[in-house]
Structures are given as structure tokens and as C-alpha cells.
C-alpha atoms as a PDB file:
ATOM      1  CA  UNK A   1       1.151  19.266  -2.520  1.00  0.00           C
ATOM      2  CA  UNK A   2       4.336  17.733  -3.937  1.00  0.00           C
ATOM      3  CA  UNK A   3       4.925  14.054  -3.224  1.00  0.00           C
ATOM      4  CA  UNK A   4       7.886  13.210  -5.474  1.00  0.00           C
ATOM      5  CA  UNK A   5      10.268  13.537  -2.534  1.00  0.00           C
ATOM      6  CA  UNK A   6       8.752  10.402  -1.011  1.00  0.00           C
ATOM      7  CA  UNK A   7       9.076   8.323  -4.169  1.00  0.00           C
ATOM      8  CA  UNK A   8      11.973   5.896  -4.476  1.00  0.00           C
ATOM      9  CA  UNK A   9      13.787   6.580  -7.721  1.00  0.00           C
ATOM     10  CA  UNK A  10      14.285   3.617 -10.032  1.00  0.00           C
ATOM     11  CA  UNK A  11      17.709   2.049  -9.595  1.00  0.00           C
ATOM     12  CA  UNK A  12      18.429   3.987  -6.385  1.00  0.00           C
ATOM     13  CA  UNK A  13      19.819   2.029  -3.442  1.00  0.00           C
ATOM     14  CA  UNK A  14      17.719   2.854  -0.398  1.00  0.00           C
ATOM     15  CA  UNK A  15      19.062   3.626   3.070  1.00  0.00           C
ATOM     16  CA  UNK A  16      16.089   3.969   5.376  1.00  0.00           C
ATOM     17  CA  UNK A  17      18.144   5.884   7.939  1.00  0.00           C
ATOM     18  CA  UNK A  18      18.156   8.772   5.453  1.00  0.00           C
ATOM     19  CA  UNK A  19      14.341   8.953   5.363  1.00  0.00           C
ATOM     20  CA  UNK A  20      12.524  10.775   8.157  1.00  0.00           C
ATOM     21  CA  UNK A  21       9.752   9.030  10.065  1.00  0.00           C
ATOM     22  CA  UNK A  22       8.339  12.075  11.868  1.00  0.00           C
ATOM     23  CA  UNK A  23       7.938  14.575   9.032  1.00  0.00           C
ATOM     24  CA  UNK A  24       4.761  16.679   9.175  1.00  0.00           C
ATOM     25  CA  UNK A  25       5.092  18.941   6.142  1.00  0.00           C
ATOM     26  CA  UNK A  26       5.007  21.994   8.405  1.00  0.00           C
ATOM     27  CA  UNK A  27       1.301  21.391   9.013  1.00  0.00           C
ATOM     28  CA  UNK A  28      -0.812  21.269  12.133  1.00  0.00           C
ATOM     29  CA  UNK A  29      -2.862  18.142  12.697  1.00  0.00           C
ATOM     30  CA  UNK A  30      -6.215  19.918  12.333  1.00  0.00           C
ATOM     31  CA  UNK A  31      -5.255  21.538   9.038  1.00  0.00           C
ATOM     32  CA  UNK A  32      -3.912  18.272   7.642  1.00  0.00           C
ATOM     33  CA  UNK A  33      -7.162  16.485   8.484  1.00  0.00           C
ATOM     34  CA  UNK A  34      -9.201  19.175   6.735  1.00  0.00           C
ATOM     35  CA  UNK A  35      -7.042  18.813   3.619  1.00  0.00           C
ATOM     36  CA  UNK A  36      -7.331  15.022   3.767  1.00  0.00           C
ATOM     37  CA  UNK A  37     -11.118  15.183   3.894  1.00  0.00           C
ATOM     38  CA  UNK A  38     -11.173  17.413   0.809  1.00  0.00           C
ATOM     39  CA  UNK A  39      -8.906  15.006  -1.057  1.00  0.00           C
ATOM     40  CA  UNK A  40     -11.025  12.018  -0.125  1.00  0.00           C
ATOM     41  CA  UNK A  41     -14.160  13.636  -1.506  1.00  0.00           C
ATOM     42  CA  UNK A  42     -12.328  13.886  -4.824  1.00  0.00           C
ATOM     43  CA  UNK A  43     -11.042  10.318  -4.512  1.00  0.00           C
ATOM     44  CA  UNK A  44     -14.615   9.034  -4.326  1.00  0.00           C
ATOM     45  CA  UNK A  45     -15.473  10.806  -7.580  1.00  0.00           C
ATOM     46  CA  UNK A  46     -12.427   9.491  -9.446  1.00  0.00           C
ATOM     47  CA  UNK A  47     -13.052   5.986  -8.195  1.00  0.00           C
ATOM     48  CA  UNK A  48     -16.546   6.166  -9.672  1.00  0.00           C
ATOM     49  CA  UNK A  49     -15.033   7.079 -13.047  1.00  0.00           C
ATOM     50  CA  UNK A  50     -12.635   4.144 -12.846  1.00  0.00           C
ATOM     51  CA  UNK A  51     -15.459   1.774 -11.925  1.00  0.00           C
ATOM     52  CA  UNK A  52     -17.700   3.041 -14.723  1.00  0.00           C
ATOM     53  CA  UNK A  53     -14.982   2.913 -17.364  1.00  0.00           C
ATOM     54  CA  UNK A  54     -13.842  -0.652 -16.529  1.00  0.00           C
ATOM     55  CA  UNK A  55     -10.683  -0.441 -18.641  1.00  0.00           C
ATOM     56  CA  UNK A  56      -8.029   0.049 -15.947  1.00  0.00           C
ATOM     57  CA  UNK A  57      -7.323  -1.073 -12.400  1.00  0.00           C
ATOM     58  CA  UNK A  58      -5.377   0.310  -9.449  1.00  0.00           C
ATOM     59  CA  UNK A  59      -3.405  -1.864  -7.026  1.00  0.00           C
ATOM     60  CA  UNK A  60      -2.341  -0.389  -3.668  1.00  0.00           C
ATOM     61  CA  UNK A  61       0.364  -2.305  -1.787  1.00  0.00           C
ATOM     62  CA  UNK A  62       0.787  -1.585   1.927  1.00  0.00           C
ATOM     63  CA  UNK A  63       3.899  -2.757   3.765  1.00  0.00           C
ATOM     64  CA  UNK A  64       5.148  -1.787   7.203  1.00  0.00           C
ATOM     65  CA  UNK A  65       6.695  -3.070  10.364  1.00  0.00           C
ATOM     66  CA  UNK A  66       4.358  -4.281  13.092  1.00  0.00           C
ATOM     67  CA  UNK A  67       2.113  -1.412  14.301  1.00  0.00           C
ATOM     68  CA  UNK A  68       3.211   0.594  11.274  1.00  0.00           C
ATOM     69  CA  UNK A  69      -0.335   1.663  10.366  1.00  0.00           C
ATOM     70  CA  UNK A  70      -1.505  -0.576   7.522  1.00  0.00           C
ATOM     71  CA  UNK A  71      -4.941  -1.107   9.052  1.00  0.00           C
ATOM     72  CA  UNK A  72      -5.153   2.611   9.788  1.00  0.00           C
ATOM     73  CA  UNK A  73      -4.616   3.459   6.123  1.00  0.00           C
ATOM     74  CA  UNK A  74      -7.298   0.962   5.113  1.00  0.00           C
ATOM     75  CA  UNK A  75      -9.726   2.532   7.572  1.00  0.00           C
ATOM     76  CA  UNK A  76      -8.970   6.238   7.169  1.00  0.00           C
ATOM     77  CA  UNK A  77      -7.887   6.497   3.512  1.00  0.00           C
ATOM     78  CA  UNK A  78      -9.210   3.499   1.612  1.00  0.00           C
ATOM     79  CA  UNK A  79     -12.443   3.875   3.575  1.00  0.00           C
ATOM     80  CA  UNK A  80     -13.339   6.816   1.341  1.00  0.00           C
ATOM     81  CA  UNK A  81     -13.877   4.441  -1.603  1.00  0.00           C
ATOM     82  CA  UNK A  82     -17.160   2.757  -2.525  1.00  0.00           C
ATOM     83  CA  UNK A  83     -16.938  -0.892  -1.373  1.00  0.00           C
ATOM     84  CA  UNK A  84     -18.556  -2.022  -4.643  1.00  0.00           C
ATOM     85  CA  UNK A  85     -15.422  -1.037  -6.522  1.00  0.00           C
ATOM     86  CA  UNK A  86     -12.929  -2.182  -3.907  1.00  0.00           C
ATOM     87  CA  UNK A  87     -11.179  -5.418  -2.943  1.00  0.00           C
ATOM     88  CA  UNK A  88      -8.959  -5.879   0.106  1.00  0.00           C
ATOM     89  CA  UNK A  89      -6.629  -8.850   0.487  1.00  0.00           C
ATOM     90  CA  UNK A  90      -4.843  -9.312   3.823  1.00  0.00           C
ATOM     91  CA  UNK A  91      -2.042 -11.814   3.259  1.00  0.00           C
ATOM     92  CA  UNK A  92      -1.423 -14.012   6.293  1.00  0.00           C
ATOM     93  CA  UNK A  93       0.916 -16.976   6.767  1.00  0.00           C
ATOM     94  CA  UNK A  94       0.571 -19.165   3.636  1.00  0.00           C
ATOM     95  CA  UNK A  95      -1.683 -22.209   3.862  1.00  0.00           C
ATOM     96  CA  UNK A  96      -0.556 -25.717   2.936  1.00  0.00           C
ATOM     97  CA  UNK A  97      -2.198 -25.396  -0.462  1.00  0.00           C
ATOM     98  CA  UNK A  98      -0.522 -22.037  -1.091  1.00  0.00           C
ATOM     99  CA  UNK A  99       2.875 -23.422  -0.106  1.00  0.00           C
ATOM    100  CA  UNK A 100       2.409 -26.206  -2.649  1.00  0.00           C
ATOM    101  CA  UNK A 101       2.556 -23.587  -5.432  1.00  0.00           C
ATOM    102  CA  UNK A 102       5.003 -20.855  -6.410  1.00  0.00           C
ATOM    103  CA  UNK A 103       5.051 -17.881  -4.027  1.00  0.00           C
ATOM    104  CA  UNK A 104       3.135 -15.620  -6.432  1.00  0.00           C
ATOM    105  CA  UNK A 105       0.293 -18.089  -7.025  1.00  0.00           C
ATOM    106  CA  UNK A 106      -1.890 -16.825  -4.169  1.00  0.00           C
ATOM    107  CA  UNK A 107      -1.045 -13.214  -5.016  1.00  0.00           C
ATOM    108  CA  UNK A 108      -2.098 -13.258  -8.655  1.00  0.00           C
ATOM    109  CA  UNK A 109      -5.566 -14.512  -7.738  1.00  0.00           C
ATOM    110  CA  UNK A 110      -6.180 -11.344  -5.675  1.00  0.00           C
ATOM    111  CA  UNK A 111      -5.139  -8.782  -8.310  1.00  0.00           C
ATOM    112  CA  UNK A 112      -8.018  -6.325  -8.941  1.00  0.00           C
ATOM    113  CA  UNK A 113     -10.000  -6.652 -12.153  1.00  0.00           C
ATOM    114  CA  UNK A 114     -10.621  -3.808 -14.559  1.00  0.00           C
ATOM    115  CA  UNK A 115     -12.602  -0.983 -12.962  1.00  0.00           C
ATOM    116  CA  UNK A 116     -11.542  -2.014  -9.465  1.00  0.00           C
ATOM    117  CA  UNK A 117      -9.198  -0.708  -6.797  1.00  0.00           C
ATOM    118  CA  UNK A 118      -7.396  -3.477  -4.941  1.00  0.00           C
ATOM    119  CA  UNK A 119      -5.536  -3.201  -1.644  1.00  0.00           C
ATOM    120  CA  UNK A 120      -2.878  -5.653  -0.493  1.00  0.00           C
ATOM    121  CA  UNK A 121      -2.548  -5.412   3.295  1.00  0.00           C
ATOM    122  CA  UNK A 122       0.876  -7.059   3.361  1.00  0.00           C
ATOM    123  CA  UNK A 123       1.713  -8.591   0.008  1.00  0.00           C
ATOM    124  CA  UNK A 124       4.049 -10.663  -2.155  1.00  0.00           C
ATOM    125  CA  UNK A 125       6.892  -8.784  -0.472  1.00  0.00           C
ATOM    126  CA  UNK A 126       6.381 -10.796   2.714  1.00  0.00           C
ATOM    127  CA  UNK A 127       8.107 -13.638   0.869  1.00  0.00           C
ATOM    128  CA  UNK A 128      11.341 -11.646   0.692  1.00  0.00           C
ATOM    129  CA  UNK A 129      11.037 -10.100   4.157  1.00  0.00           C
ATOM    130  CA  UNK A 130       9.944 -12.501   6.910  1.00  0.00           C
ATOM    131  CA  UNK A 131      11.289 -15.512   5.038  1.00  0.00           C
ATOM    132  CA  UNK A 132      14.655 -13.860   4.643  1.00  0.00           C
ATOM    133  CA  UNK A 133      15.016 -12.550   8.193  1.00  0.00           C
ATOM    134  CA  UNK A 134      14.181 -15.946   9.684  1.00  0.00           C
ATOM    135  CA  UNK A 135      16.408 -17.889   7.247  1.00  0.00           C
ATOM    136  CA  UNK A 136      13.545 -19.681   5.500  1.00  0.00           C
ATOM    137  CA  UNK A 137      15.213 -18.735   2.219  1.00  0.00           C
ATOM    138  CA  UNK A 138      18.796 -17.832   1.376  1.00  0.00           C
ATOM    139  CA  UNK A 139      20.023 -14.645  -0.289  1.00  0.00           C
ATOM    140  CA  UNK A 140      20.171 -16.295  -3.713  1.00  0.00           C
ATOM    141  CA  UNK A 141      16.502 -17.283  -3.490  1.00  0.00           C
ATOM    142  CA  UNK A 142      15.556 -13.834  -2.200  1.00  0.00           C
ATOM    143  CA  UNK A 143      17.250 -12.137  -5.149  1.00  0.00           C
ATOM    144  CA  UNK A 144      15.522 -14.501  -7.564  1.00  0.00           C
ATOM    145  CA  UNK A 145      12.169 -13.711  -5.967  1.00  0.00           C
ATOM    146  CA  UNK A 146      12.783  -9.987  -6.235  1.00  0.00           C
ATOM    147  CA  UNK A 147      13.487 -10.486  -9.920  1.00  0.00           C
ATOM    148  CA  UNK A 148      10.257 -12.475 -10.327  1.00  0.00           C
ATOM    149  CA  UNK A 149       8.349  -9.735  -8.488  1.00  0.00           C
ATOM    150  CA  UNK A 150       9.610  -7.085 -10.909  1.00  0.00           C
ATOM    151  CA  UNK A 151       8.510  -9.224 -13.857  1.00  0.00           C
ATOM    152  CA  UNK A 152       5.135  -9.913 -12.206  1.00  0.00           C
ATOM    153  CA  UNK A 153       4.513  -6.214 -11.657  1.00  0.00           C
ATOM    154  CA  UNK A 154       5.585  -5.490 -15.223  1.00  0.00           C
ATOM    155  CA  UNK A 155       2.974  -7.987 -16.425  1.00  0.00           C
ATOM    156  CA  UNK A 156       0.271  -6.276 -14.358  1.00  0.00           C
ATOM    157  CA  UNK A 157       1.273  -2.847 -15.647  1.00  0.00           C
ATOM    158  CA  UNK A 158       1.224  -4.079 -19.246  1.00  0.00           C
ATOM    159  CA  UNK A 159      -2.278  -5.443 -18.603  1.00  0.00           C
ATOM    160  CA  UNK A 160      -3.671  -2.084 -17.492  1.00  0.00           C
ATOM    161  CA  UNK A 161      -3.101  -2.187 -13.739  1.00  0.00           C
ATOM    162  CA  UNK A 162      -1.464   0.838 -12.130  1.00  0.00           C
ATOM    163  CA  UNK A 163       0.562  -0.099  -9.049  1.00  0.00           C
ATOM    164  CA  UNK A 164       1.371   2.032  -6.008  1.00  0.00           C
ATOM    165  CA  UNK A 165       3.526   0.581  -3.240  1.00  0.00           C
ATOM    166  CA  UNK A 166       3.655   2.294   0.154  1.00  0.00           C
ATOM    167  CA  UNK A 167       6.191   1.539   2.872  1.00  0.00           C
ATOM    168  CA  UNK A 168       4.881   3.092   6.100  1.00  0.00           C
ATOM    169  CA  UNK A 169       8.064   4.268   7.796  1.00  0.00           C
ATOM    170  CA  UNK A 170       7.929   4.436  11.599  1.00  0.00           C
ATOM    171  CA  UNK A 171      10.703   4.818  14.139  1.00  0.00           C
ATOM    172  CA  UNK A 172      11.659   2.204  16.689  1.00  0.00           C
ATOM    173  CA  UNK A 173      10.463   4.528  19.490  1.00  0.00           C
ATOM    174  CA  UNK A 174       7.085   5.071  17.811  1.00  0.00           C
ATOM    175  CA  UNK A 175       6.621   1.330  17.348  1.00  0.00           C
ATOM    176  CA  UNK A 176       7.367   0.838  21.048  1.00  0.00           C
ATOM    177  CA  UNK A 177       4.741   3.426  21.990  1.00  0.00           C
ATOM    178  CA  UNK A 178       2.078   1.855  19.763  1.00  0.00           C
ATOM    179  CA  UNK A 179       2.776  -1.667  20.994  1.00  0.00           C
ATOM    180  CA  UNK A 180       2.603  -0.436  24.594  1.00  0.00           C
ATOM    181  CA  UNK A 181      -0.749   1.229  23.839  1.00  0.00           C
ATOM    182  CA  UNK A 182      -2.085  -2.144  22.762  1.00  0.00           C
ATOM    183  CA  UNK A 183      -1.077  -3.585  26.111  1.00  0.00           C
ATOM    184  CA  UNK A 184      -2.365  -0.665  28.172  1.00  0.00           C
ATOM    185  CA  UNK A 185      -5.813  -0.405  26.577  1.00  0.00           C
ATOM    186  CA  UNK A 186      -8.109  -3.440  27.055  1.00  0.00           C
ATOM    187  CA  UNK A 187      -9.921  -2.617  23.826  1.00  0.00           C
ATOM    188  CA  UNK A 188      -6.666  -3.060  21.929  1.00  0.00           C
ATOM    189  CA  UNK A 189      -5.467  -6.295  23.497  1.00  0.00           C
ATOM    190  CA  UNK A 190      -6.763  -8.247  20.503  1.00  0.00           C
ATOM    191  CA  UNK A 191      -4.365  -6.325  18.264  1.00  0.00           C
ATOM    192  CA  UNK A 192      -1.289  -7.324  20.273  1.00  0.00           C
ATOM    193  CA  UNK A 193       0.721 -10.285  19.049  1.00  0.00           C
ATOM    194  CA  UNK A 194       3.615 -11.443  21.255  1.00  0.00           C
ATOM    195  CA  UNK A 195       5.355 -12.467  18.042  1.00  0.00           C
ATOM    196  CA  UNK A 196       5.708  -8.770  17.216  1.00  0.00           C
ATOM    197  CA  UNK A 197       8.305  -8.520  19.983  1.00  0.00           C
ATOM    198  CA  UNK A 198      10.366 -11.226  18.308  1.00  0.00           C
ATOM    199  CA  UNK A 199      10.282  -9.280  15.046  1.00  0.00           C
ATOM    200  CA  UNK A 200      11.288  -6.155  16.967  1.00  0.00           C
ATOM    201  CA  UNK A 201      14.442  -7.939  18.133  1.00  0.00           C
ATOM    202  CA  UNK A 202      15.351  -8.306  14.450  1.00  0.00           C
ATOM    203  CA  UNK A 203      14.924  -4.605  13.651  1.00  0.00           C
ATOM    204  CA  UNK A 204      18.269  -4.314  11.842  1.00  0.00           C
ATOM    205  CA  UNK A 205      17.700  -7.447   9.755  1.00  0.00           C
ATOM    206  CA  UNK A 206      14.223  -6.278   8.713  1.00  0.00           C
ATOM    207  CA  UNK A 207      15.688  -2.890   7.784  1.00  0.00           C
ATOM    208  CA  UNK A 208      18.151  -4.571   5.423  1.00  0.00           C
ATOM    209  CA  UNK A 209      15.438  -6.757   3.883  1.00  0.00           C
ATOM    210  CA  UNK A 210      13.121  -3.779   3.364  1.00  0.00           C
ATOM    211  CA  UNK A 211      15.892  -1.779   1.736  1.00  0.00           C
ATOM    212  CA  UNK A 212      16.385  -4.529  -0.852  1.00  0.00           C
ATOM    213  CA  UNK A 213      12.618  -4.777  -1.429  1.00  0.00           C
ATOM    214  CA  UNK A 214      12.370  -1.025  -1.976  1.00  0.00           C
ATOM    215  CA  UNK A 215      14.935  -1.437  -4.723  1.00  0.00           C
ATOM    216  CA  UNK A 216      12.148  -2.859  -6.919  1.00  0.00           C
ATOM    217  CA  UNK A 217      10.755   0.637  -7.426  1.00  0.00           C
ATOM    218  CA  UNK A 218      10.112   1.314 -11.122  1.00  0.00           C
ATOM    219  CA  UNK A 219       8.228   3.891 -13.173  1.00  0.00           C
ATOM    220  CA  UNK A 220       5.257   1.521 -13.477  1.00  0.00           C
ATOM    221  CA  UNK A 221       5.365   0.198  -9.907  1.00  0.00           C
ATOM    222  CA  UNK A 222       6.929   2.875  -7.687  1.00  0.00           C
ATOM    223  CA  UNK A 223       7.618   2.592  -3.988  1.00  0.00           C
ATOM    224  CA  UNK A 224       6.839   5.529  -1.709  1.00  0.00           C
ATOM    225  CA  UNK A 225       8.494   5.790   1.709  1.00  0.00           C
ATOM    226  CA  UNK A 226       5.779   7.445   3.797  1.00  0.00           C
ATOM    227  CA  UNK A 227       6.774   9.083   7.102  1.00  0.00           C
ATOM    228  CA  UNK A 228       4.247   7.438   9.393  1.00  0.00           C
ATOM    229  CA  UNK A 229       4.992   8.500  12.969  1.00  0.00           C
ATOM    230  CA  UNK A 230       2.203  11.075  12.530  1.00  0.00           C
ATOM    231  CA  UNK A 231      -0.837   9.138  11.377  1.00  0.00           C
ATOM    232  CA  UNK A 232      -2.587  12.261  10.105  1.00  0.00           C
ATOM    233  CA  UNK A 233       0.333  13.221   7.851  1.00  0.00           C
ATOM    234  CA  UNK A 234       0.582   9.653   6.612  1.00  0.00           C
ATOM    235  CA  UNK A 235      -3.088   9.745   5.586  1.00  0.00           C
ATOM    236  CA  UNK A 236      -2.708  13.110   3.860  1.00  0.00           C
ATOM    237  CA  UNK A 237       0.287  12.011   1.797  1.00  0.00           C
ATOM    238  CA  UNK A 238      -1.257   8.747   0.658  1.00  0.00           C
ATOM    239  CA  UNK A 239      -4.551  10.455  -0.208  1.00  0.00           C
ATOM    240  CA  UNK A 240      -2.692  12.989  -2.350  1.00  0.00           C
ATOM    241  CA  UNK A 241      -0.664  10.302  -4.161  1.00  0.00           C
ATOM    242  CA  UNK A 242      -3.790   8.253  -4.848  1.00  0.00           C
ATOM    243  CA  UNK A 243      -5.628  11.280  -6.223  1.00  0.00           C
ATOM    244  CA  UNK A 244      -2.707  12.320  -8.426  1.00  0.00           C
ATOM    245  CA  UNK A 245      -2.477   8.783  -9.775  1.00  0.00           C
ATOM    246  CA  UNK A 246      -6.183   8.456 -10.557  1.00  0.00           C
ATOM    247  CA  UNK A 247      -6.125  11.814 -12.328  1.00  0.00           C
ATOM    248  CA  UNK A 248      -3.144  10.667 -14.360  1.00  0.00           C
ATOM    249  CA  UNK A 249      -4.988   7.445 -15.275  1.00  0.00           C
ATOM    250  CA  UNK A 250      -7.815   9.753 -16.408  1.00  0.00           C
ATOM    251  CA  UNK A 251     -10.686   7.219 -16.516  1.00  0.00           C
ATOM    252  CA  UNK A 252     -13.667   8.321 -18.621  1.00  0.00           C
ATOM    253  CA  UNK A 253     -17.354   7.757 -18.118  1.00  0.00           C
ATOM    254  CA  UNK A 254     -18.514   5.463 -20.952  1.00  0.00           C
ATOM    255  CA  UNK A 255     -20.620   6.905 -23.731  1.00  0.00           C
ATOM    256  CA  UNK A 256     -24.274   5.955 -23.584  1.00  0.00           C
ATOM    257  CA  UNK A 257     -26.058   4.100 -26.370  1.00  0.00           C
ATOM    258  CA  UNK A 258     -29.019   6.466 -26.087  1.00  0.00           C
ATOM    259  CA  UNK A 259     -29.729  10.195 -26.090  1.00  0.00           C
ATOM    260  CA  UNK A 260     -30.812  11.190 -22.557  1.00  0.00           C
ATOM    261  CA  UNK A 261     -32.517  14.293 -23.991  1.00  0.00           C
ATOM    262  CA  UNK A 262     -34.929  12.103 -25.963  1.00  0.00           C
ATOM    263  CA  UNK A 263     -36.076  10.045 -22.989  1.00  0.00           C
ATOM    264  CA  UNK A 264     -39.210  11.042 -21.101  1.00  0.00           C
ATOM    265  CA  UNK A 265     -40.119   9.331 -17.870  1.00  0.00           C
ATOM    266  CA  UNK A 266     -43.900   9.406 -17.313  1.00  0.00           C
END
């Protein structure tokens, strides 16, 4: 399955209107789920290699509009990994202590160590998205932060951390349907945040901010624009990209300091 079409090319100016939200790869939902399950069985094996080797790390960045599916990816894709080799950092509104430092201070502390897979559910990009849309920072500051982010990701890459950044691309109509579902189903009321409606009113401004953020795509820290109206196709694509990346990292099981053939267990 080819995934290059979803990767943002380095230096390319992104126009989200040109990227489909409802693509399904010509697959039926059942078939896509079967393929996803097969990929996830392989993901578990490659994660074990990464964990055993302890020389590299993988950072997965998830960004999306409200109801875009970040939690769904954590549950249905990342859930295939062994928790012992996994860290998940959900970045909320910064605390007073975090605001007293530079905007990357709280981020760096959550970067996965060697052998680990780390997931950022929201990330350092929030500081050039929400802050920009609501005029907490000006354009000059936003551009400076984007420059710092590129340098930060370059540092991580140079230190042995592979970075994958996923923007879960949903349509305005699909967001409306998902938000309405949260209101209609009592079991989902806890997921509804009235503040999401305020963000929805700023759809155009968030689009512009995301397009600038996606411009930080590089060879070492690429962005992928994932069509996410169909949750099952979203999961399939991300699973395939993760597997391709782990295979490219090619982690090796460490050599033992003993000869297993010479050991006898009585």
C-alpha cells in the first residue's frame, strides 16, 4: 500500500482544500479492517525489536481539529503496541509552571527515550495554532516558534529519534456529525466540550494556522495529511506508515553474551 501521496513534501506550501477528507482507497470497510489487523500484528513484532535494541526511538505526533480522531488513533492503532515500550503524552492547556518557561520546555521532557515509542496527543504545535487563532501571539512570534520547532525536531532526529507527524483531516460536515453524536448519546456527553463550538466558528483561521504548521514537514520529521472522515481508512493508513517506518529503522535484537545451545535447564 503506497502512502507517499499523503506525505507533505518538504518546502511545499499546503492548501488543505486540495486534500480529500473522505478518501477510502477504493476499499470496503470490512476489508480495510482485516488489512489493519494484519498490519498491527506486524507492528507488535517490530516494536519488540525496537524495545530490545534500545538504540532508537519513534515519536508519533497527532494533531487534528476537535473530534478529528486523535483518541481513536491512540485506541485503535497505538493500542497494538506493548504498553511497556510506550509513552503517551496528552498536552493540555499549559500550567503556570510551564508558562514560566519557553514553550518547548514541557515538550522536551516527554520525548521518548531510546527503545520507546512516544505519542503526543496534541503537541508543541498547539503553541502555533490555538495561540495564533486567538491572538495570544502575533505572526512574528508564530514564525519564530515554527523555526524553533524545526530546529527542535532536527535535534531529536540527530539524537536517534524518528518523527512522524499526522494531521487527521476531517471535513466541517463530518465534525458537525461527530459533535452532534456526543450530544445525542449520553455515554459520550463527557467528551463534549462547549468550547469546541467556539473553535468551530474559527474554522477558516484554524485552516490557515494548520497550513503554516504543515509547512514544517522535512525528510526527518514529515507531516502526513490523513483523510479521516472514514475512521477505518484513517487507521489503515497510519498503521501502514508506522510499519514502513519501523522497517526502515530496522532495529535489531541485541546479541547475547552466552551461547543458548550450551545452556541446559534441569
